[in-house]
Structure formats: structure tokens, C-alpha cells
Amino acid sequence: MNHWRLVLTPAALRQYKRFPARVRTLLKQAMKERLIVQNPTIEDRNRFRLRRASLYADYELRVQEWRVFYRMEGEMIIVELIGKKVGNCLVIEGKEFVL
């Protein structure tokens, strides 16, 4: 049995709440399946460690065009940012964001 606990920062929770209900459902299901049920540190095609160091997160989870950025602190998965990929740009809260 896993011991991971998912925590959204206030900023991530605010970003999550801005999405339509269908997107929130999709993200919630993906975070549960890919981060809580499975080992969140094992890399695969859509879940991987960021190539460049970032002040915000260590890992990225891709869910269609949405991105969930998180880091690990012991047994806690801390979701720092949730945004949407539009072309080459990451959009968070309606603004282009650079990790």
C-alpha cells in the first residue's frame, strides 16, 4: 500500500478552481491515478523530472494539454502549479509563465 499524500498549494488550488468542471474532473482523476496510486517519482512518457532546475517544481505530469508541476517532500506530493500548454507556451491563470 502506498503512503503518499497529495497537497495542493494555495496557488495550485486557485489555478485548479479556474478550470471548467470537466477539466477539474480529468485532472483530479489523473492526479489520483498517476501520483497517489502509482509511485510519483517513477518516470514515464507523461510523468517525468524536469530537465532544468526550477524554483517551483521538480516533476511534471502531462494530462492532455494540461500540466501539473509538483515536488516531493518525504511522503507528501506537493502540487505547486497547474497550467495549460498552448503551442510552446505554458499558460497559468491566463498569463504566459516561464518555469
PDB file of N, CA and C in Angstrom:
ATOM      1  N   MET A   1       0.846  -1.185   0.000  1.00  0.00           N
ATOM      2  CA  MET A   1       0.000   0.000   0.000  1.00  0.00           C
ATOM      3  C   MET A   1       0.891   1.248   0.000  1.00  0.00           C
ATOM      4  N   ASN A   2       0.430   2.271  -0.722  1.00  0.00           N
ATOM      5  CA  ASN A   2       1.242   3.493  -0.792  1.00  0.00           C
ATOM      6  C   ASN A   2       1.031   4.364   0.442  1.00  0.00           C
ATOM      7  N   HIS A   3       1.950   5.287   0.626  1.00  0.00           N
ATOM      8  CA  HIS A   3       1.884   6.181   1.771  1.00  0.00           C
ATOM      9  C   HIS A   3       1.898   7.640   1.340  1.00  0.00           C
ATOM     10  N   TRP A   4       1.665   7.907   0.056  1.00  0.00           N
ATOM     11  CA  TRP A   4       1.763   9.275  -0.435  1.00  0.00           C
ATOM     12  C   TRP A   4       0.498  10.052  -0.147  1.00  0.00           C
ATOM     13  N   ARG A   5       0.707  11.334   0.116  1.00  0.00           N
ATOM     14  CA  ARG A   5      -0.404  12.238   0.376  1.00  0.00           C
ATOM     15  C   ARG A   5      -0.277  13.424  -0.559  1.00  0.00           C
ATOM     16  N   LEU A   6      -1.335  13.754  -1.271  1.00  0.00           N
ATOM     17  CA  LEU A   6      -1.333  14.842  -2.238  1.00  0.00           C
ATOM     18  C   LEU A   6      -1.803  16.128  -1.579  1.00  0.00           C
ATOM     19  N   VAL A   7      -1.008  17.197  -1.736  1.00  0.00           N
ATOM     20  CA  VAL A   7      -1.339  18.501  -1.172  1.00  0.00           C
ATOM     21  C   VAL A   7      -1.208  19.541  -2.273  1.00  0.00           C
ATOM     22  N   LEU A   8      -2.229  20.374  -2.441  1.00  0.00           N
ATOM     23  CA  LEU A   8      -2.164  21.472  -3.395  1.00  0.00           C
ATOM     24  C   LEU A   8      -1.823  22.748  -2.636  1.00  0.00           C
ATOM     25  N   THR A   9      -0.866  23.505  -3.141  1.00  0.00           N
ATOM     26  CA  THR A   9      -0.551  24.800  -2.538  1.00  0.00           C
ATOM     27  C   THR A   9      -1.739  25.730  -2.790  1.00  0.00           C
ATOM     28  N   PRO A  10      -1.844  26.842  -2.058  1.00  0.00           N
ATOM     29  CA  PRO A  10      -2.938  27.783  -2.315  1.00  0.00           C
ATOM     30  C   PRO A  10      -2.975  28.263  -3.775  1.00  0.00           C
ATOM     31  N   ALA A  11      -1.810  28.499  -4.378  1.00  0.00           N
ATOM     32  CA  ALA A  11      -1.763  28.932  -5.779  1.00  0.00           C
ATOM     33  C   ALA A  11      -2.284  27.833  -6.699  1.00  0.00           C
ATOM     34  N   ALA A  12      -1.872  26.581  -6.471  1.00  0.00           N
ATOM     35  CA  ALA A  12      -2.326  25.464  -7.300  1.00  0.00           C
ATOM     36  C   ALA A  12      -3.828  25.245  -7.149  1.00  0.00           C
ATOM     37  N   LEU A  13      -4.339  25.388  -5.944  1.00  0.00           N
ATOM     38  CA  LEU A  13      -5.776  25.240  -5.709  1.00  0.00           C
ATOM     39  C   LEU A  13      -6.555  26.332  -6.447  1.00  0.00           C
ATOM     40  N   ARG A  14      -6.054  27.541  -6.414  1.00  0.00           N
ATOM     41  CA  ARG A  14      -6.688  28.654  -7.134  1.00  0.00           C
ATOM     42  C   ARG A  14      -6.683  28.383  -8.640  1.00  0.00           C
ATOM     43  N   GLN A  15      -5.569  27.890  -9.153  1.00  0.00           N
ATOM     44  CA  GLN A  15      -5.457  27.576 -10.582  1.00  0.00           C
ATOM     45  C   GLN A  15      -6.411  26.438 -10.946  1.00  0.00           C
ATOM     46  N   TYR A  16      -6.476  25.423 -10.110  1.00  0.00           N
ATOM     47  CA  TYR A  16      -7.355  24.273 -10.335  1.00  0.00           C
ATOM     48  C   TYR A  16      -8.821  24.711 -10.397  1.00  0.00           C
ATOM     49  N   LYS A  17      -9.221  25.587  -9.497  1.00  0.00           N
ATOM     50  CA  LYS A  17     -10.619  26.032  -9.425  1.00  0.00           C
ATOM     51  C   LYS A  17     -11.033  26.877 -10.628  1.00  0.00           C
ATOM     52  N   ARG A  18     -10.068  27.448 -11.351  1.00  0.00           N
ATOM     53  CA  ARG A  18     -10.383  28.268 -12.520  1.00  0.00           C
ATOM     54  C   ARG A  18     -10.788  27.449 -13.736  1.00  0.00           C
ATOM     55  N   PHE A  19     -10.474  26.152 -13.735  1.00  0.00           N
ATOM     56  CA  PHE A  19     -10.790  25.309 -14.884  1.00  0.00           C
ATOM     57  C   PHE A  19     -12.267  24.908 -14.877  1.00  0.00           C
ATOM     58  N   PRO A  20     -12.824  24.618 -16.054  1.00  0.00           N
ATOM     59  CA  PRO A  20     -14.201  24.096 -16.116  1.00  0.00           C
ATOM     60  C   PRO A  20     -14.300  22.755 -15.381  1.00  0.00           C
ATOM     61  N   ALA A  21     -15.510  22.379 -15.008  1.00  0.00           N
ATOM     62  CA  ALA A  21     -15.730  21.154 -14.224  1.00  0.00           C
ATOM     63  C   ALA A  21     -15.174  19.913 -14.911  1.00  0.00           C
ATOM     64  N   ARG A  22     -15.335  19.784 -16.207  1.00  0.00           N
ATOM     65  CA  ARG A  22     -14.847  18.578 -16.898  1.00  0.00           C
ATOM     66  C   ARG A  22     -13.320  18.476 -16.831  1.00  0.00           C
ATOM     67  N   VAL A  23     -12.635  19.628 -16.883  1.00  0.00           N
ATOM     68  CA  VAL A  23     -11.168  19.634 -16.796  1.00  0.00           C
ATOM     69  C   VAL A  23     -10.733  19.295 -15.374  1.00  0.00           C
ATOM     70  N   ARG A  24     -11.430  19.850 -14.384  1.00  0.00           N
ATOM     71  CA  ARG A  24     -11.104  19.532 -12.988  1.00  0.00           C
ATOM     72  C   ARG A  24     -11.265  18.043 -12.723  1.00  0.00           C
ATOM     73  N   THR A  25     -12.323  17.446 -13.261  1.00  0.00           N
ATOM     74  CA  THR A  25     -12.544  16.010 -13.090  1.00  0.00           C
ATOM     75  C   THR A  25     -11.413  15.214 -13.724  1.00  0.00           C
ATOM     76  N   LEU A  26     -11.023  15.589 -14.938  1.00  0.00           N
ATOM     77  CA  LEU A  26      -9.934  14.915 -15.637  1.00  0.00           C
ATOM     78  C   LEU A  26      -8.625  15.026 -14.849  1.00  0.00           C
ATOM     79  N   LEU A  27      -8.306  16.237 -14.370  1.00  0.00           N
ATOM     80  CA  LEU A  27      -7.076  16.450 -13.612  1.00  0.00           C
ATOM     81  C   LEU A  27      -7.094  15.693 -12.291  1.00  0.00           C
ATOM     82  N   LYS A  28      -8.223  15.744 -11.600  1.00  0.00           N
ATOM     83  CA  LYS A  28      -8.340  15.043 -10.316  1.00  0.00           C
ATOM     84  C   LYS A  28      -8.122  13.548 -10.492  1.00  0.00           C
ATOM     85  N   GLN A  29      -8.743  12.968 -11.515  1.00  0.00           N
ATOM     86  CA  GLN A  29      -8.596  11.542 -11.780  1.00  0.00           C
ATOM     87  C   GLN A  29      -7.146  11.202 -12.140  1.00  0.00           C
ATOM     88  N   ALA A  30      -6.525  12.024 -12.988  1.00  0.00           N
ATOM     89  CA  ALA A  30      -5.138  11.771 -13.392  1.00  0.00           C
ATOM     90  C   ALA A  30      -4.190  11.900 -12.204  1.00  0.00           C
ATOM     91  N   MET A  31      -4.381  12.920 -11.363  1.00  0.00           N
ATOM     92  CA  MET A  31      -3.503  13.081 -10.200  1.00  0.00           C
ATOM     93  C   MET A  31      -3.654  11.899  -9.245  1.00  0.00           C
ATOM     94  N   LYS A  32      -4.886  11.428  -9.064  1.00  0.00           N
ATOM     95  CA  LYS A  32      -5.111  10.281  -8.173  1.00  0.00           C
ATOM     96  C   LYS A  32      -4.430   9.038  -8.735  1.00  0.00           C
ATOM     97  N   GLU A  33      -4.668   8.743 -10.019  1.00  0.00           N
ATOM     98  CA  GLU A  33      -4.120   7.526 -10.615  1.00  0.00           C
ATOM     99  C   GLU A  33      -2.604   7.578 -10.776  1.00  0.00           C
ATOM    100  N   ARG A  34      -2.073   8.716 -11.245  1.00  0.00           N
ATOM    101  CA  ARG A  34      -0.662   8.786 -11.625  1.00  0.00           C
ATOM    102  C   ARG A  34       0.259   9.222 -10.488  1.00  0.00           C
ATOM    103  N   LEU A  35      -0.289   9.912  -9.475  1.00  0.00           N
ATOM    104  CA  LEU A  35       0.572  10.400  -8.399  1.00  0.00           C
ATOM    105  C   LEU A  35       0.338   9.683  -7.066  1.00  0.00           C
ATOM    106  N   ILE A  36      -0.895   9.291  -6.774  1.00  0.00           N
ATOM    107  CA  ILE A  36      -1.170   8.669  -5.475  1.00  0.00           C
ATOM    108  C   ILE A  36      -1.105   7.145  -5.573  1.00  0.00           C
ATOM    109  N   VAL A  37      -1.784   6.565  -6.566  1.00  0.00           N
ATOM    110  CA  VAL A  37      -1.827   5.108  -6.700  1.00  0.00           C
ATOM    111  C   VAL A  37      -0.476   4.575  -7.174  1.00  0.00           C
ATOM    112  N   GLN A  38       0.109   5.231  -8.180  1.00  0.00           N
ATOM    113  CA  GLN A  38       1.419   4.827  -8.689  1.00  0.00           C
ATOM    114  C   GLN A  38       2.504   5.626  -7.969  1.00  0.00           C
ATOM    115  N   ASN A  39       3.736   5.174  -8.082  1.00  0.00           N
ATOM    116  CA  ASN A  39       4.857   5.892  -7.475  1.00  0.00           C
ATOM    117  C   ASN A  39       5.091   7.194  -8.249  1.00  0.00           C
ATOM    118  N   PRO A  40       4.948   8.361  -7.612  1.00  0.00           N
ATOM    119  CA  PRO A  40       5.063   9.636  -8.318  1.00  0.00           C
ATOM    120  C   PRO A  40       6.477   9.988  -8.790  1.00  0.00           C
ATOM    121  N   THR A  41       7.484   9.246  -8.334  1.00  0.00           N
ATOM    122  CA  THR A  41       8.859   9.550  -8.737  1.00  0.00           C
ATOM    123  C   THR A  41       9.340   8.689  -9.900  1.00  0.00           C
ATOM    124  N   ILE A  42       8.577   7.673 -10.268  1.00  0.00           N
ATOM    125  CA  ILE A  42       8.960   6.830 -11.411  1.00  0.00           C
ATOM    126  C   ILE A  42       8.575   7.545 -12.689  1.00  0.00           C
ATOM    127  N   GLU A  43       9.566   7.732 -13.563  1.00  0.00           N
ATOM    128  CA  GLU A  43       9.326   8.488 -14.794  1.00  0.00           C
ATOM    129  C   GLU A  43       8.752   7.601 -15.885  1.00  0.00           C
ATOM    130  N   ASP A  44       7.864   8.202 -16.688  1.00  0.00           N
ATOM    131  CA  ASP A  44       7.365   7.567 -17.898  1.00  0.00           C
ATOM    132  C   ASP A  44       7.123   8.669 -18.925  1.00  0.00           C
ATOM    133  N   ARG A  45       6.389   8.371 -19.953  1.00  0.00           N
ATOM    134  CA  ARG A  45       6.205   9.337 -21.042  1.00  0.00           C
ATOM    135  C   ARG A  45       5.530  10.631 -20.588  1.00  0.00           C
ATOM    136  N   ASN A  46       4.583  10.538 -19.683  1.00  0.00           N
ATOM    137  CA  ASN A  46       3.815  11.704 -19.266  1.00  0.00           C
ATOM    138  C   ASN A  46       4.066  12.154 -17.826  1.00  0.00           C
ATOM    139  N   ARG A  47       5.030  11.549 -17.166  1.00  0.00           N
ATOM    140  CA  ARG A  47       5.380  11.928 -15.789  1.00  0.00           C
ATOM    141  C   ARG A  47       6.893  11.837 -15.688  1.00  0.00           C
ATOM    142  N   PHE A  48       7.530  12.979 -15.473  1.00  0.00           N
ATOM    143  CA  PHE A  48       8.992  12.972 -15.500  1.00  0.00           C
ATOM    144  C   PHE A  48       9.576  14.121 -14.691  1.00  0.00           C
ATOM    145  N   ARG A  49      10.846  13.972 -14.359  1.00  0.00           N
ATOM    146  CA  ARG A  49      11.598  15.017 -13.654  1.00  0.00           C
ATOM    147  C   ARG A  49      11.925  16.109 -14.665  1.00  0.00           C
ATOM    148  N   LEU A  50      11.816  17.364 -14.243  1.00  0.00           N
ATOM    149  CA  LEU A  50      12.128  18.480 -15.133  1.00  0.00           C
ATOM    150  C   LEU A  50      13.609  18.456 -15.510  1.00  0.00           C
ATOM    151  N   ARG A  51      13.900  18.755 -16.752  1.00  0.00           N
ATOM    152  CA  ARG A  51      15.289  18.725 -17.235  1.00  0.00           C
ATOM    153  C   ARG A  51      16.111  19.882 -16.673  1.00  0.00           C
ATOM    154  N   ARG A  52      15.467  21.038 -16.530  1.00  0.00           N
ATOM    155  CA  ARG A  52      16.162  22.197 -15.968  1.00  0.00           C
ATOM    156  C   ARG A  52      15.657  22.458 -14.556  1.00  0.00           C
ATOM    157  N   ALA A  53      16.534  22.906 -13.704  1.00  0.00           N
ATOM    158  CA  ALA A  53      16.145  23.217 -12.329  1.00  0.00           C
ATOM    159  C   ALA A  53      15.123  24.349 -12.325  1.00  0.00           C
ATOM    160  N   SER A  54      14.134  24.241 -11.462  1.00  0.00           N
ATOM    161  CA  SER A  54      13.087  25.249 -11.346  1.00  0.00           C
ATOM    162  C   SER A  54      12.873  25.586  -9.873  1.00  0.00           C
ATOM    163  N   LEU A  55      12.526  26.827  -9.607  1.00  0.00           N
ATOM    164  CA  LEU A  55      12.208  27.233  -8.243  1.00  0.00           C
ATOM    165  C   LEU A  55      10.864  26.669  -7.800  1.00  0.00           C
ATOM    166  N   TYR A  56      10.039  26.277  -8.765  1.00  0.00           N
ATOM    167  CA  TYR A  56       8.660  25.900  -8.463  1.00  0.00           C
ATOM    168  C   TYR A  56       8.446  24.408  -8.243  1.00  0.00           C
ATOM    169  N   ALA A  57       9.059  23.573  -9.083  1.00  0.00           N
ATOM    170  CA  ALA A  57       8.753  22.148  -9.008  1.00  0.00           C
ATOM    171  C   ALA A  57       9.925  21.318  -9.501  1.00  0.00           C
ATOM    172  N   ASP A  58       9.859  20.016  -9.203  1.00  0.00           N
ATOM    173  CA  ASP A  58      10.879  19.076  -9.653  1.00  0.00           C
ATOM    174  C   ASP A  58      10.346  18.134 -10.729  1.00  0.00           C
ATOM    175  N   TYR A  59       9.018  17.919 -10.741  1.00  0.00           N
ATOM    176  CA  TYR A  59       8.408  16.963 -11.655  1.00  0.00           C
ATOM    177  C   TYR A  59       7.257  17.601 -12.431  1.00  0.00           C
ATOM    178  N   GLU A  60       6.948  16.990 -13.578  1.00  0.00           N
ATOM    179  CA  GLU A  60       5.831  17.429 -14.403  1.00  0.00           C
ATOM    180  C   GLU A  60       4.966  16.215 -14.737  1.00  0.00           C
ATOM    181  N   LEU A  61       3.659  16.405 -14.653  1.00  0.00           N
ATOM    182  CA  LEU A  61       2.693  15.403 -15.083  1.00  0.00           C
ATOM    183  C   LEU A  61       1.910  16.013 -16.226  1.00  0.00           C
ATOM    184  N   ARG A  62       1.909  15.336 -17.387  1.00  0.00           N
ATOM    185  CA  ARG A  62       1.144  15.813 -18.544  1.00  0.00           C
ATOM    186  C   ARG A  62      -0.190  15.086 -18.586  1.00  0.00           C
ATOM    187  N   VAL A  63      -1.255  15.874 -18.714  1.00  0.00           N
ATOM    188  CA  VAL A  63      -2.604  15.336 -18.856  1.00  0.00           C
ATOM    189  C   VAL A  63      -3.230  16.074 -20.035  1.00  0.00           C
ATOM    190  N   GLN A  64      -3.189  15.454 -21.212  1.00  0.00           N
ATOM    191  CA  GLN A  64      -3.599  16.096 -22.460  1.00  0.00           C
ATOM    192  C   GLN A  64      -2.823  17.401 -22.602  1.00  0.00           C
ATOM    193  N   GLU A  65      -3.521  18.557 -22.726  1.00  0.00           N
ATOM    194  CA  GLU A  65      -2.778  19.813 -22.865  1.00  0.00           C
ATOM    195  C   GLU A  65      -2.513  20.505 -21.522  1.00  0.00           C
ATOM    196  N   TRP A  66      -2.926  19.883 -20.434  1.00  0.00           N
ATOM    197  CA  TRP A  66      -2.709  20.469 -19.108  1.00  0.00           C
ATOM    198  C   TRP A  66      -1.436  19.922 -18.492  1.00  0.00           C
ATOM    199  N   ARG A  67      -0.830  20.739 -17.626  1.00  0.00           N
ATOM    200  CA  ARG A  67       0.418  20.361 -16.962  1.00  0.00           C
ATOM    201  C   ARG A  67       0.270  20.556 -15.454  1.00  0.00           C
ATOM    202  N   VAL A  68       0.706  19.553 -14.701  1.00  0.00           N
ATOM    203  CA  VAL A  68       0.702  19.609 -13.241  1.00  0.00           C
ATOM    204  C   VAL A  68       2.165  19.535 -12.810  1.00  0.00           C
ATOM    205  N   PHE A  69       2.632  20.555 -12.110  1.00  0.00           N
ATOM    206  CA  PHE A  69       4.022  20.604 -11.650  1.00  0.00           C
ATOM    207  C   PHE A  69       4.036  20.357 -10.149  1.00  0.00           C
ATOM    208  N   TYR A  70       4.889  19.418  -9.727  1.00  0.00           N
ATOM    209  CA  TYR A  70       4.903  19.040  -8.311  1.00  0.00           C
ATOM    210  C   TYR A  70       6.313  18.720  -7.845  1.00  0.00           C
ATOM    211  N   ARG A  71       6.442  18.648  -6.521  1.00  0.00           N
ATOM    212  CA  ARG A  71       7.700  18.238  -5.902  1.00  0.00           C
ATOM    213  C   ARG A  71       7.366  17.277  -4.765  1.00  0.00           C
ATOM    214  N   MET A  72       8.365  16.554  -4.336  1.00  0.00           N
ATOM    215  CA  MET A  72       8.189  15.580  -3.264  1.00  0.00           C
ATOM    216  C   MET A  72       8.866  16.098  -2.003  1.00  0.00           C
ATOM    217  N   GLU A  73       8.193  15.934  -0.880  1.00  0.00           N
ATOM    218  CA  GLU A  73       8.781  16.205   0.428  1.00  0.00           C
ATOM    219  C   GLU A  73       8.439  15.008   1.303  1.00  0.00           C
ATOM    220  N   GLY A  74       9.374  14.073   1.381  1.00  0.00           N
ATOM    221  CA  GLY A  74       9.116  12.840   2.123  1.00  0.00           C
ATOM    222  C   GLY A  74       7.997  12.058   1.464  1.00  0.00           C
ATOM    223  N   GLU A  75       6.910  11.855   2.178  1.00  0.00           N
ATOM    224  CA  GLU A  75       5.763  11.105   1.657  1.00  0.00           C
ATOM    225  C   GLU A  75       4.691  12.033   1.074  1.00  0.00           C
ATOM    226  N   MET A  76       4.962  13.338   1.042  1.00  0.00           N
ATOM    227  CA  MET A  76       3.983  14.295   0.521  1.00  0.00           C
ATOM    228  C   MET A  76       4.304  14.688  -0.912  1.00  0.00           C
ATOM    229  N   ILE A  77       3.264  14.705  -1.745  1.00  0.00           N
ATOM    230  CA  ILE A  77       3.345  15.196  -3.116  1.00  0.00           C
ATOM    231  C   ILE A  77       2.755  16.595  -3.070  1.00  0.00           C
ATOM    232  N   ILE A  78       3.583  17.615  -3.316  1.00  0.00           N
ATOM    233  CA  ILE A  78       3.113  18.992  -3.224  1.00  0.00           C
ATOM    234  C   ILE A  78       2.952  19.546  -4.641  1.00  0.00           C
ATOM    235  N   VAL A  79       1.701  19.761  -5.033  1.00  0.00           N
ATOM    236  CA  VAL A  79       1.404  20.323  -6.347  1.00  0.00           C
ATOM    237  C   VAL A  79       1.578  21.830  -6.246  1.00  0.00           C
ATOM    238  N   GLU A  80       2.508  22.365  -7.029  1.00  0.00           N
ATOM    239  CA  GLU A  80       2.849  23.784  -6.976  1.00  0.00           C
ATOM    240  C   GLU A  80       2.109  24.610  -8.022  1.00  0.00           C
ATOM    241  N   LEU A  81       2.000  24.081  -9.244  1.00  0.00           N
ATOM    242  CA  LEU A  81       1.403  24.829 -10.359  1.00  0.00           C
ATOM    243  C   LEU A  81       0.565  23.906 -11.220  1.00  0.00           C
ATOM    244  N   ILE A  82      -0.515  24.455 -11.788  1.00  0.00           N
ATOM    245  CA  ILE A  82      -1.324  23.729 -12.761  1.00  0.00           C
ATOM    246  C   ILE A  82      -1.613  24.713 -13.892  1.00  0.00           C
ATOM    247  N   GLY A  83      -1.256  24.321 -15.111  1.00  0.00           N
ATOM    248  CA  GLY A  83      -1.446  25.220 -16.245  1.00  0.00           C
ATOM    249  C   GLY A  83      -1.808  24.473 -17.501  1.00  0.00           C
ATOM    250  N   LYS A  84      -1.901  25.220 -18.584  1.00  0.00           N
ATOM    251  CA  LYS A  84      -2.261  24.661 -19.875  1.00  0.00           C
ATOM    252  C   LYS A  84      -1.169  24.974 -20.881  1.00  0.00           C
ATOM    253  N   LYS A  85      -0.832  23.999 -21.683  1.00  0.00           N
ATOM    254  CA  LYS A  85       0.185  24.184 -22.718  1.00  0.00           C
ATOM    255  C   LYS A  85      -0.529  24.644 -23.988  1.00  0.00           C
ATOM    256  N   VAL A  86      -0.122  25.801 -24.501  1.00  0.00           N
ATOM    257  CA  VAL A  86      -0.680  26.343 -25.741  1.00  0.00           C
ATOM    258  C   VAL A  86       0.499  26.571 -26.675  1.00  0.00           C
ATOM    259  N   GLY A  87       0.661  25.687 -27.647  1.00  0.00           N
ATOM    260  CA  GLY A  87       1.830  25.755 -28.519  1.00  0.00           C
ATOM    261  C   GLY A  87       3.082  25.514 -27.698  1.00  0.00           C
ATOM    262  N   ASN A  88       4.021  26.444 -27.760  1.00  0.00           N
ATOM    263  CA  ASN A  88       5.255  26.334 -26.967  1.00  0.00           C
ATOM    264  C   ASN A  88       5.156  27.031 -25.626  1.00  0.00           C
ATOM    265  N   CYS A  89       4.018  27.635 -25.335  1.00  0.00           N
ATOM    266  CA  CYS A  89       3.864  28.445 -24.121  1.00  0.00           C
ATOM    267  C   CYS A  89       3.087  27.699 -23.040  1.00  0.00           C
ATOM    268  N   LEU A  90       3.493  27.917 -21.810  1.00  0.00           N
ATOM    269  CA  LEU A  90       2.749  27.434 -20.656  1.00  0.00           C
ATOM    270  C   LEU A  90       1.916  28.606 -20.153  1.00  0.00           C
ATOM    271  N   VAL A  91       0.608  28.410 -20.049  1.00  0.00           N
ATOM    272  CA  VAL A  91      -0.300  29.471 -19.609  1.00  0.00           C
ATOM    273  C   VAL A  91      -0.849  29.089 -18.241  1.00  0.00           C
ATOM    274  N   ILE A  92      -0.594  29.972 -17.272  1.00  0.00           N
ATOM    275  CA  ILE A  92      -1.109  29.770 -15.912  1.00  0.00           C
ATOM    276  C   ILE A  92      -1.851  31.030 -15.518  1.00  0.00           C
ATOM    277  N   GLU A  93      -3.122  30.830 -15.114  1.00  0.00           N
ATOM    278  CA  GLU A  93      -4.002  31.947 -14.734  1.00  0.00           C
ATOM    279  C   GLU A  93      -4.090  32.991 -15.827  1.00  0.00           C
ATOM    280  N   GLY A  94      -4.148  32.544 -17.071  1.00  0.00           N
ATOM    281  CA  GLY A  94      -4.343  33.446 -18.198  1.00  0.00           C
ATOM    282  C   GLY A  94      -3.094  34.173 -18.676  1.00  0.00           C
ATOM    283  N   LYS A  95      -1.950  33.910 -18.073  1.00  0.00           N
ATOM    284  CA  LYS A  95      -0.712  34.591 -18.456  1.00  0.00           C
ATOM    285  C   LYS A  95       0.359  33.578 -18.820  1.00  0.00           C
ATOM    286  N   GLU A  96       1.220  33.963 -19.788  1.00  0.00           N
ATOM    287  CA  GLU A  96       2.344  33.101 -20.150  1.00  0.00           C
ATOM    288  C   GLU A  96       3.272  33.002 -18.952  1.00  0.00           C
ATOM    289  N   PHE A  97       3.740  31.781 -18.691  1.00  0.00           N
ATOM    290  CA  PHE A  97       4.545  31.528 -17.496  1.00  0.00           C
ATOM    291  C   PHE A  97       5.839  30.835 -17.900  1.00  0.00           C
ATOM    292  N   VAL A  98       6.926  31.226 -17.304  1.00  0.00           N
ATOM    293  CA  VAL A  98       8.223  30.600 -17.572  1.00  0.00           C
ATOM    294  C   VAL A  98       8.676  29.914 -16.281  1.00  0.00           C
ATOM    295  N   LEU A  99       8.934  28.611 -16.390  1.00  0.00           N
ATOM    296  CA  LEU A  99       9.439  27.878 -15.220  1.00  0.00           C
ATOM    297  C   LEU A  99      10.858  28.311 -15.007  1.00  0.00           C
TER     298      LEU A  99
END
